[in-house]
Amino acid sequence: MLNASLNSVVELKHLYIGHISFSRTSDKIDDNKLTISFKKSYDFNEEHNACKVTLGCSIKNQDSECINLQVDIIGHFTCNDESLERREQLLTKNTLAILFPYLRSQISLITAQPELTPIVLPPMNIEAVFDLASDE
């Protein structure tokens, strides 16, 4: 039997794909010329103990519009930590790490089609990606 103190303070209540858009206009796609960008958004409730988190990814070809993929994954999370500051930190940092594997999987599934090498995003610290982007 697990001790109640081992339970996570952040809990994923609901998970779903909010948006998928994929277009391919050419039979030749250069994997080395793909541009990948991420976006995130948070929608907290009044008590800041629950949050709707959206993690999105856009993949395009640098030279043309021969491939265009956009995926948004949405998670509804709760946090039962007593500190408001800690709840906000947990809900903005940890939730992206929870959502990212689902986003990676969906991108691979969408791009696993005939005559297209599946796009497989590597495991990464997604929060560090956003930190690097904000430093630029």
C-alpha atoms as a PDB file:
ATOM      1  CA  MET A   1       0.000   0.000   0.000  1.00  0.00           C
ATOM      2  CA  LEU A   2       1.364   3.402  -0.937  1.00  0.00           C
ATOM      3  CA  ASN A   3       1.806   6.035   1.689  1.00  0.00           C
ATOM      4  CA  ALA A   4      -0.397   9.108   1.061  1.00  0.00           C
ATOM      5  CA  SER A   5       2.676  11.339   1.425  1.00  0.00           C
ATOM      6  CA  LEU A   6       4.056   9.869  -1.824  1.00  0.00           C
ATOM      7  CA  ASN A   7       1.221  11.336  -3.889  1.00  0.00           C
ATOM      8  CA  SER A   8       2.147  14.156  -6.231  1.00  0.00           C
ATOM      9  CA  VAL A   9       0.869  17.637  -5.420  1.00  0.00           C
ATOM     10  CA  VAL A  10       0.281  18.217  -9.158  1.00  0.00           C
ATOM     11  CA  GLU A  11      -2.387  16.035 -10.732  1.00  0.00           C
ATOM     12  CA  LEU A  12      -3.407  15.756 -14.388  1.00  0.00           C
ATOM     13  CA  LYS A  13      -7.219  15.649 -14.464  1.00  0.00           C
ATOM     14  CA  HIS A  14      -7.931  15.837 -18.217  1.00  0.00           C
ATOM     15  CA  LEU A  15      -5.815  15.597 -21.360  1.00  0.00           C
ATOM     16  CA  TYR A  16      -6.894  16.182 -24.955  1.00  0.00           C
ATOM     17  CA  ILE A  17      -5.752  17.449 -28.338  1.00  0.00           C
ATOM     18  CA  GLY A  18      -7.084  20.984 -28.798  1.00  0.00           C
ATOM     19  CA  HIS A  19      -5.958  21.518 -32.379  1.00  0.00           C
ATOM     20  CA  ILE A  20      -4.319  19.552 -35.181  1.00  0.00           C
ATOM     21  CA  SER A  21      -3.481  20.970 -38.580  1.00  0.00           C
ATOM     22  CA  PHE A  22      -1.342  19.143 -41.137  1.00  0.00           C
ATOM     23  CA  SER A  23      -0.721  19.913 -44.779  1.00  0.00           C
ATOM     24  CA  ARG A  24       1.755  18.466 -47.218  1.00  0.00           C
ATOM     25  CA  THR A  25       2.041  19.864 -50.727  1.00  0.00           C
ATOM     26  CA  SER A  26       5.113  18.077 -52.066  1.00  0.00           C
ATOM     27  CA  ASP A  27       6.441  14.558 -52.338  1.00  0.00           C
ATOM     28  CA  LYS A  28       9.966  15.785 -51.524  1.00  0.00           C
ATOM     29  CA  ILE A  29      10.579  17.151 -48.034  1.00  0.00           C
ATOM     30  CA  ASP A  30      14.041  18.028 -46.783  1.00  0.00           C
ATOM     31  CA  ASP A  31      14.152  17.024 -43.113  1.00  0.00           C
ATOM     32  CA  ASN A  32      17.182  19.269 -42.586  1.00  0.00           C
ATOM     33  CA  LYS A  33      15.180  22.387 -43.449  1.00  0.00           C
ATOM     34  CA  LEU A  34      12.399  22.027 -40.912  1.00  0.00           C
ATOM     35  CA  THR A  35      11.742  24.819 -38.425  1.00  0.00           C
ATOM     36  CA  ILE A  36      10.247  23.796 -35.095  1.00  0.00           C
ATOM     37  CA  SER A  37       8.738  26.255 -32.630  1.00  0.00           C
ATOM     38  CA  PHE A  38       6.815  25.844 -29.400  1.00  0.00           C
ATOM     39  CA  LYS A  39       4.212  27.909 -27.578  1.00  0.00           C
ATOM     40  CA  LYS A  40       2.617  27.651 -24.160  1.00  0.00           C
ATOM     41  CA  SER A  41      -0.256  29.258 -22.300  1.00  0.00           C
ATOM     42  CA  TYR A  42      -1.742  29.039 -18.822  1.00  0.00           C
ATOM     43  CA  ASP A  43      -5.286  29.747 -17.661  1.00  0.00           C
ATOM     44  CA  PHE A  44      -5.489  29.692 -13.841  1.00  0.00           C
ATOM     45  CA  ASN A  45      -8.653  29.536 -11.765  1.00  0.00           C
ATOM     46  CA  GLU A  46      -9.274  32.218  -9.096  1.00  0.00           C
ATOM     47  CA  GLU A  47      -7.636  30.241  -6.282  1.00  0.00           C
ATOM     48  CA  HIS A  48      -4.622  29.384  -8.451  1.00  0.00           C
ATOM     49  CA  ASN A  49      -4.930  25.720  -7.477  1.00  0.00           C
ATOM     50  CA  ALA A  50      -6.071  24.582 -10.935  1.00  0.00           C
ATOM     51  CA  CYS A  51      -4.842  25.468 -14.380  1.00  0.00           C
ATOM     52  CA  LYS A  52      -5.588  24.756 -18.028  1.00  0.00           C
ATOM     53  CA  VAL A  53      -2.210  24.407 -19.762  1.00  0.00           C
ATOM     54  CA  THR A  54      -1.766  24.465 -23.531  1.00  0.00           C
ATOM     55  CA  LEU A  55       1.471  23.281 -25.139  1.00  0.00           C
ATOM     56  CA  GLY A  56       1.734  23.774 -28.878  1.00  0.00           C
ATOM     57  CA  CYS A  57       4.233  22.881 -31.568  1.00  0.00           C
ATOM     58  CA  SER A  58       4.563  24.200 -35.103  1.00  0.00           C
ATOM     59  CA  ILE A  59       6.738  22.493 -37.727  1.00  0.00           C
ATOM     60  CA  LYS A  60       7.302  24.098 -41.117  1.00  0.00           C
ATOM     61  CA  ASN A  61       9.736  23.867 -43.999  1.00  0.00           C
ATOM     62  CA  GLN A  62      12.124  26.864 -44.071  1.00  0.00           C
ATOM     63  CA  ASP A  63      12.089  27.317 -47.846  1.00  0.00           C
ATOM     64  CA  SER A  64       8.511  26.558 -48.799  1.00  0.00           C
ATOM     65  CA  GLU A  65       5.169  25.517 -47.428  1.00  0.00           C
ATOM     66  CA  CYS A  66       5.632  21.885 -48.518  1.00  0.00           C
ATOM     67  CA  ILE A  67       4.894  20.782 -44.952  1.00  0.00           C
ATOM     68  CA  ASN A  68       3.013  22.574 -42.214  1.00  0.00           C
ATOM     69  CA  LEU A  69       2.090  20.905 -38.929  1.00  0.00           C
ATOM     70  CA  GLN A  70       0.532  22.470 -35.861  1.00  0.00           C
ATOM     71  CA  VAL A  71      -0.507  20.547 -32.761  1.00  0.00           C
ATOM     72  CA  ASP A  72      -1.877  21.917 -29.481  1.00  0.00           C
ATOM     73  CA  ILE A  73      -2.258  19.590 -26.524  1.00  0.00           C
ATOM     74  CA  ILE A  74      -4.273  20.711 -23.497  1.00  0.00           C
ATOM     75  CA  GLY A  75      -4.082  19.475 -19.935  1.00  0.00           C
ATOM     76  CA  HIS A  76      -6.205  20.411 -16.939  1.00  0.00           C
ATOM     77  CA  PHE A  77      -4.159  20.225 -13.753  1.00  0.00           C
ATOM     78  CA  THR A  78      -4.754  20.705 -10.045  1.00  0.00           C
ATOM     79  CA  CYS A  79      -2.220  21.457  -7.338  1.00  0.00           C
ATOM     80  CA  ASN A  80      -2.867  21.005  -3.626  1.00  0.00           C
ATOM     81  CA  ASP A  81       0.223  22.744  -2.237  1.00  0.00           C
ATOM     82  CA  GLU A  82      -0.585  25.285   0.503  1.00  0.00           C
ATOM     83  CA  SER A  83       1.709  28.031  -0.794  1.00  0.00           C
ATOM     84  CA  LEU A  84       0.308  30.187  -3.621  1.00  0.00           C
ATOM     85  CA  GLU A  85       3.804  30.895  -4.955  1.00  0.00           C
ATOM     86  CA  ARG A  86       4.706  27.205  -4.943  1.00  0.00           C
ATOM     87  CA  ARG A  87       1.401  26.251  -6.646  1.00  0.00           C
ATOM     88  CA  GLU A  88       2.068  28.729  -9.454  1.00  0.00           C
ATOM     89  CA  GLN A  89       5.632  27.467  -9.843  1.00  0.00           C
ATOM     90  CA  LEU A  90       4.555  23.815  -9.936  1.00  0.00           C
ATOM     91  CA  LEU A  91       1.713  24.470 -12.372  1.00  0.00           C
ATOM     92  CA  THR A  92       3.861  26.488 -14.767  1.00  0.00           C
ATOM     93  CA  LYS A  93       6.996  24.326 -14.711  1.00  0.00           C
ATOM     94  CA  ASN A  94       6.023  20.705 -14.087  1.00  0.00           C
ATOM     95  CA  THR A  95       2.948  20.634 -16.298  1.00  0.00           C
ATOM     96  CA  LEU A  96       4.923  21.257 -19.493  1.00  0.00           C
ATOM     97  CA  ALA A  97       7.135  18.262 -18.707  1.00  0.00           C
ATOM     98  CA  ILE A  98       4.005  16.146 -18.223  1.00  0.00           C
ATOM     99  CA  LEU A  99       2.424  17.264 -21.527  1.00  0.00           C
ATOM    100  CA  PHE A 100       5.529  17.087 -23.720  1.00  0.00           C
ATOM    101  CA  PRO A 101       5.659  13.269 -24.210  1.00  0.00           C
ATOM    102  CA  TYR A 102       2.041  13.315 -25.415  1.00  0.00           C
ATOM    103  CA  LEU A 103       2.860  16.105 -27.877  1.00  0.00           C
ATOM    104  CA  ARG A 104       5.911  14.183 -29.166  1.00  0.00           C
ATOM    105  CA  SER A 105       3.816  11.067 -29.660  1.00  0.00           C
ATOM    106  CA  GLN A 106       1.075  12.892 -31.548  1.00  0.00           C
ATOM    107  CA  ILE A 107       3.587  14.518 -33.923  1.00  0.00           C
ATOM    108  CA  SER A 108       5.151  11.127 -34.678  1.00  0.00           C
ATOM    109  CA  LEU A 109       1.736   9.560 -35.294  1.00  0.00           C
ATOM    110  CA  ILE A 110       0.645  12.321 -37.673  1.00  0.00           C
ATOM    111  CA  THR A 111       3.844  12.235 -39.716  1.00  0.00           C
ATOM    112  CA  ALA A 112       4.068   8.428 -39.981  1.00  0.00           C
ATOM    113  CA  GLN A 113       2.543   8.286 -43.445  1.00  0.00           C
ATOM    114  CA  PRO A 114       3.678   6.933 -46.808  1.00  0.00           C
ATOM    115  CA  GLU A 115       6.820   8.491 -48.275  1.00  0.00           C
ATOM    116  CA  LEU A 116       7.421  10.739 -45.297  1.00  0.00           C
ATOM    117  CA  THR A 117      10.047  10.095 -42.673  1.00  0.00           C
ATOM    118  CA  PRO A 118       8.241  10.387 -39.331  1.00  0.00           C
ATOM    119  CA  ILE A 119       9.202  13.452 -37.341  1.00  0.00           C
ATOM    120  CA  VAL A 120      10.367  12.267 -33.935  1.00  0.00           C
ATOM    121  CA  LEU A 121      11.159  15.049 -31.505  1.00  0.00           C
ATOM    122  CA  PRO A 122      13.940  14.040 -29.117  1.00  0.00           C
ATOM    123  CA  PRO A 123      13.288  13.918 -25.386  1.00  0.00           C
ATOM    124  CA  MET A 124      14.159  17.345 -24.045  1.00  0.00           C
ATOM    125  CA  ASN A 125      13.670  19.658 -21.127  1.00  0.00           C
ATOM    126  CA  ILE A 126      10.805  21.648 -22.650  1.00  0.00           C
ATOM    127  CA  GLU A 127      10.942  24.351 -19.982  1.00  0.00           C
ATOM    128  CA  ALA A 128      14.617  24.938 -20.823  1.00  0.00           C
ATOM    129  CA  VAL A 129      13.589  25.442 -24.471  1.00  0.00           C
ATOM    130  CA  PHE A 130      11.280  28.269 -23.391  1.00  0.00           C
ATOM    131  CA  ASP A 131      13.947  29.684 -21.059  1.00  0.00           C
ATOM    132  CA  LEU A 132      16.462  29.799 -23.932  1.00  0.00           C
ATOM    133  CA  ALA A 133      13.919  31.455 -26.228  1.00  0.00           C
ATOM    134  CA  SER A 134      13.183  34.161 -23.651  1.00  0.00           C
ATOM    135  CA  ASP A 135      16.919  34.858 -23.245  1.00  0.00           C
ATOM    136  CA  GLU A 136      17.297  35.604 -26.968  1.00  0.00           C
END
